[in-house]
Protein backbone atom coordinates (compact mmCIF):
# COMPACT_ATOMS: atom_id res chain seq x y z
CA MET A 1 -1.60 11.83 3.31
CA PRO A 2 1.79 12.29 5.05
CA THR A 3 4.36 14.27 3.08
CA LEU A 4 7.58 13.04 1.50
CA VAL A 5 9.50 15.28 3.90
CA THR A 6 7.87 13.43 6.79
CA LEU A 7 8.84 10.08 5.29
CA GLN A 8 12.45 11.16 4.74
CA GLN A 9 12.66 12.36 8.33
CA HIS A 10 11.20 9.07 9.53
CA LEU A 11 13.66 7.05 7.45
CA GLY A 12 16.63 9.27 8.26
CA LEU A 13 17.26 9.58 4.52
CA PHE A 14 17.26 12.77 2.50
CA PHE A 15 17.15 12.40 -1.25
CA LYS A 16 19.27 14.50 -3.58
CA ASN A 17 16.61 13.84 -6.22
CA PRO A 18 13.23 13.71 -4.40
CA GLN A 19 11.53 12.69 -7.66
CA LEU A 20 13.06 9.23 -7.24
CA LEU A 21 11.33 8.80 -3.90
CA GLN A 22 8.12 10.23 -5.34
CA SER A 23 8.32 7.78 -8.25
CA ALA A 24 8.72 4.81 -5.91
CA LEU A 25 5.47 5.72 -4.18
CA VAL A 26 3.24 6.08 -7.27
CA HIS A 27 1.11 2.98 -7.93
CA ARG A 28 0.40 2.13 -11.56
CA SER A 29 -3.32 2.84 -10.99
CA PHE A 30 -2.46 6.45 -10.10
CA TRP A 31 -0.31 6.72 -13.25
CA HIS A 32 -3.33 5.81 -15.37
CA GLU A 33 -5.81 7.98 -13.46
CA HIS A 34 -3.65 11.11 -13.08
CA PRO A 35 -1.03 11.18 -15.88
CA GLU A 36 -0.76 14.93 -15.54
CA GLN A 37 0.62 14.50 -12.00
CA VAL A 38 3.41 12.05 -12.86
CA VAL A 39 5.19 14.03 -15.58
CA GLY A 40 8.94 13.67 -15.16
CA LEU A 41 8.73 10.74 -12.76
CA THR A 42 10.39 7.36 -13.20
CA ASP A 43 8.16 4.36 -13.90
CA SER A 44 7.55 2.76 -10.48
CA GLU A 45 7.39 -0.73 -12.00
CA ARG A 46 10.88 -0.26 -13.44
CA LEU A 47 12.03 0.71 -9.96
CA GLU A 48 10.46 -2.46 -8.54
CA PHE A 49 12.39 -4.50 -11.11
CA LEU A 50 15.68 -2.88 -10.14
CA GLY A 51 14.92 -3.02 -6.42
CA ASP A 52 14.26 -6.76 -6.61
CA ALA A 53 17.69 -7.34 -8.15
CA ILE A 54 19.42 -5.09 -5.61
CA LEU A 55 17.71 -6.81 -2.68
CA ASN A 56 18.75 -10.24 -3.94
CA TYR A 57 22.35 -9.05 -4.35
CA LEU A 58 22.50 -7.43 -0.90
CA THR A 59 20.84 -10.42 0.74
CA ALA A 60 23.18 -12.92 -0.91
CA THR A 61 26.26 -10.86 0.02
CA LEU A 62 25.19 -10.43 3.65
CA LEU A 63 24.37 -14.12 4.10
CA PHE A 64 27.55 -15.26 2.35
CA GLU A 65 29.66 -13.18 4.73
CA ARG A 66 27.67 -13.83 7.91
CA TYR A 67 27.25 -17.61 7.61
CA PRO A 68 30.58 -19.01 6.33
CA GLN A 69 29.67 -22.54 7.42
CA ARG A 70 26.38 -22.74 5.51
CA GLY A 71 26.23 -24.41 2.14
CA GLU A 72 24.37 -23.24 -0.95
CA GLY A 73 21.10 -24.89 0.10
CA GLY A 74 21.06 -23.26 3.53
CA LEU A 75 21.97 -19.86 2.13
CA THR A 76 19.28 -20.13 -0.54
CA GLU A 77 16.70 -21.03 2.10
CA LEU A 78 17.64 -18.02 4.23
CA ARG A 79 17.63 -15.67 1.23
CA ALA A 80 14.14 -16.85 0.26
CA ALA A 81 12.94 -16.14 3.80
CA LEU A 82 14.35 -12.60 3.71
CA VAL A 83 13.07 -11.49 0.30
CA LYS A 84 9.70 -13.23 0.07
CA THR A 85 6.60 -11.06 -0.31
CA THR A 86 5.36 -11.48 3.25
CA THR A 87 8.73 -10.47 4.72
CA LEU A 88 9.13 -7.41 2.50
CA ALA A 89 5.54 -6.40 3.28
CA SER A 90 6.34 -6.60 7.00
CA PHE A 91 9.38 -4.35 6.44
CA ALA A 92 7.10 -1.87 4.66
CA ARG A 93 4.65 -1.95 7.57
CA ASP A 94 7.48 -1.29 10.03
CA ILE A 95 8.03 2.12 8.40
CA ASN A 96 4.34 2.73 7.59
CA LEU A 97 5.24 2.86 3.90
CA GLY A 98 1.72 2.08 2.74
CA ALA A 99 0.49 5.44 4.06
CA TYR A 100 2.61 7.26 1.48
CA VAL A 101 1.58 5.34 -1.65
CA ARG A 102 -0.44 7.30 -4.21
CA LEU A 103 -3.35 5.21 -5.45
CA SER A 104 -6.30 5.64 -7.77
CA LYS A 105 -9.66 6.18 -6.11
CA GLY A 106 -10.78 2.67 -7.00
CA GLU A 107 -7.66 1.01 -5.58
CA GLU A 108 -7.94 3.10 -2.43
CA GLN A 109 -11.52 2.00 -1.90
CA SER A 110 -10.62 -1.66 -2.49
CA GLY A 111 -8.09 -1.64 0.35
CA ALA A 112 -5.04 -1.93 -1.89
CA ARG A 113 -2.96 0.16 0.53
CA THR A 114 -2.68 -2.79 2.92
CA ARG A 115 -2.13 -5.57 0.34
CA GLU A 116 1.03 -7.55 0.86
CA ALA A 117 1.98 -7.54 -2.83
CA LEU A 118 1.63 -3.76 -3.07
CA LEU A 119 3.63 -3.19 0.12
CA ALA A 120 6.40 -5.55 -1.02
CA ASP A 121 6.56 -3.96 -4.48
CA THR A 122 6.74 -0.48 -2.96
CA PHE A 123 9.53 -1.54 -0.62
CA GLU A 124 11.49 -2.87 -3.60
CA ALA A 125 10.92 0.40 -5.46
CA LEU A 126 12.13 2.33 -2.41
CA ILE A 127 15.36 0.30 -2.33
CA ALA A 128 15.92 1.10 -6.02
CA ALA A 129 15.27 4.80 -5.40
CA ILE A 130 17.84 4.84 -2.58
CA TYR A 131 20.35 3.01 -4.78
CA LEU A 132 19.89 5.40 -7.71
CA ASP A 133 20.06 8.47 -5.48
CA GLN A 134 22.86 7.52 -3.09
CA GLY A 135 24.50 4.30 -4.23
CA VAL A 136 24.65 0.67 -3.17
CA GLU A 137 26.27 1.37 0.22
CA ALA A 138 23.38 3.60 1.24
CA ALA A 139 20.91 0.92 0.17
CA GLN A 140 22.90 -1.61 2.20
CA ARG A 141 22.90 0.60 5.31
CA PHE A 142 19.16 1.06 4.98
CA ILE A 143 18.25 -2.60 4.55
CA GLU A 144 20.66 -4.22 7.03
CA PRO A 145 18.68 -3.37 10.20
CA PHE A 146 15.61 -5.05 8.68
CA PHE A 147 17.64 -8.13 7.75
CA ASP A 148 19.31 -8.20 11.17
CA ALA A 149 15.97 -8.22 12.98
CA GLN A 150 14.55 -10.91 10.69
CA LEU A 151 17.64 -13.10 11.01
CA ALA A 152 17.51 -12.77 14.80
CA GLN A 153 13.95 -14.09 14.68
CA ILE A 154 14.99 -16.97 12.44
CA GLU A 155 17.94 -17.86 14.68
CA GLN A 156 15.65 -17.85 17.72
CA HIS A 157 12.62 -19.63 16.26
CA GLY A 158 13.89 -21.29 13.09
CA LEU A 159 12.50 -20.74 9.61
CA ALA A 160 8.79 -20.16 10.03
CA LEU A 161 6.36 -22.40 8.23
CA ASP A 162 4.59 -20.67 5.39
CA PHE A 163 0.98 -19.64 5.98
CA LYS A 164 -0.51 -22.44 3.86
CA THR A 165 1.37 -25.07 5.84
CA GLN A 166 0.40 -23.48 9.15
CA LEU A 167 -3.27 -23.38 8.14
CA GLN A 168 -3.23 -26.95 6.83
CA GLN A 169 -1.76 -28.27 10.08
CA ARG A 170 -4.27 -26.31 12.13
CA ILE A 171 -7.36 -27.36 10.15
CA GLN A 172 -6.28 -30.98 9.92
CA ALA A 173 -5.74 -31.11 13.69
CA ALA A 174 -9.08 -29.44 14.47
CA ARG A 175 -11.35 -30.91 11.77
CA ASN A 176 -9.42 -33.75 10.15
CA ILE A 177 -9.81 -32.19 6.70
CA THR A 178 -7.43 -30.40 4.34
CA PRO A 179 -8.13 -26.80 3.26
CA ARG A 180 -8.63 -26.28 -0.47
CA TYR A 181 -7.98 -23.20 -2.58
CA HIS A 182 -10.25 -21.81 -5.28
CA VAL A 183 -9.48 -19.06 -7.82
CA ILE A 184 -12.25 -16.44 -7.61
CA ALA A 185 -10.88 -13.93 -10.11
CA GLU A 186 -7.98 -13.34 -12.46
CA THR A 187 -7.32 -9.85 -13.79
CA GLY A 188 -4.66 -8.00 -15.77
CA GLN A 189 -2.10 -9.20 -18.27
CA ASP A 190 1.34 -10.74 -17.79
CA PRO A 191 3.60 -9.67 -16.17
CA ARG A 192 1.11 -7.66 -14.05
CA ARG A 193 -1.54 -10.32 -13.63
CA GLU A 194 -3.42 -10.43 -10.32
CA TYR A 195 -5.21 -13.40 -8.77
CA THR A 196 -7.91 -13.56 -6.10
CA ILE A 197 -8.09 -16.88 -4.26
CA ALA A 198 -10.35 -18.16 -1.48
CA VAL A 199 -9.39 -20.88 0.98
CA LEU A 200 -12.17 -23.19 2.17
CA ALA A 201 -12.66 -25.94 4.74
CA ASP A 202 -15.54 -28.02 3.42
CA ASP A 203 -17.97 -25.29 2.33
CA GLU A 204 -16.80 -22.67 4.85
CA GLN A 205 -14.77 -19.82 3.38
CA LEU A 206 -11.89 -19.09 5.75
CA GLY A 207 -10.18 -16.24 3.92
CA VAL A 208 -9.59 -14.48 0.60
CA GLY A 209 -6.23 -13.30 -0.69
CA VAL A 210 -4.94 -11.29 -3.63
CA GLY A 211 -1.49 -11.59 -5.21
CA PRO A 212 0.56 -11.39 -8.41
CA SER A 213 0.66 -15.20 -8.62
CA LYS A 214 -1.63 -18.02 -7.53
CA GLN A 215 0.89 -19.03 -4.88
CA ALA A 216 1.14 -15.50 -3.46
CA ALA A 217 -2.66 -15.12 -3.45
CA ALA A 218 -3.07 -18.49 -1.72
CA GLN A 219 -0.51 -17.51 0.92
CA ALA A 220 -2.38 -14.23 1.50
CA ALA A 221 -5.66 -16.13 1.84
CA ALA A 222 -4.11 -18.55 4.33
CA ARG A 223 -2.63 -15.66 6.32
CA LEU A 224 -6.03 -13.96 6.59
CA ALA A 225 -7.65 -17.26 7.56
CA LEU A 226 -5.13 -17.73 10.38
CA GLU A 227 -5.74 -14.19 11.62
CA GLN A 228 -9.51 -14.73 11.63
CA LEU A 229 -9.18 -18.05 13.43
CA ASP A 230 -6.98 -16.39 16.04
CA ALA A 231 -9.54 -13.60 16.46
CA LYS A 232 -12.33 -16.13 17.02
CA TYR A 233 -10.19 -17.99 19.56
CA GLU A 234 -9.39 -14.77 21.47
CA ALA A 235 -13.09 -13.78 21.45
CA HIS A 236 -13.93 -16.98 23.28
């Protein structure tokens, strides 16, 4: 696994308290499996909670200042596009954040490192760690390039349709049927419940997704289905 020094060099950020960065990268499964290795660290789920609030604040402030002509509805729509799970997961992928997450053996084997929910949560925890270590201005400097790139895409292409809508339009056009979603599994307890959902067209399973809510899991399933449909198209 890459080292924290490597990550800090990649990010151009050097923590006064490296334990904050270390805490942000410890998944709850690792906490339970290796408690002896997390002594003195901050609870990563508490960091996620704080990071979510900081991201919403920074996003709202940036949009308020950048789009003076937009009303509340337009600003809310843009904020939702910037802080939704899929967007935050893409930010995490841009910096290869998943490679640094410490997971239990079981989560590692299940492919958790690439799950959108895990990547988004870890990105939120990273924002909180930066804020606690260096303040809100440092967190703002870190996040703004991600927001700038995403907003440029939105300004060029408009707000993208969510994955469920994209898949529904595609399947209806090709087969004249509507995809349906089926809960396969439900694990954990609130507020850390996790859902596994499959999307089907007739009896054909198109994709399976996992998320902290039914909606997030369905979006992940639709995203995988679109990727698999694209792969089939390219193969032919």
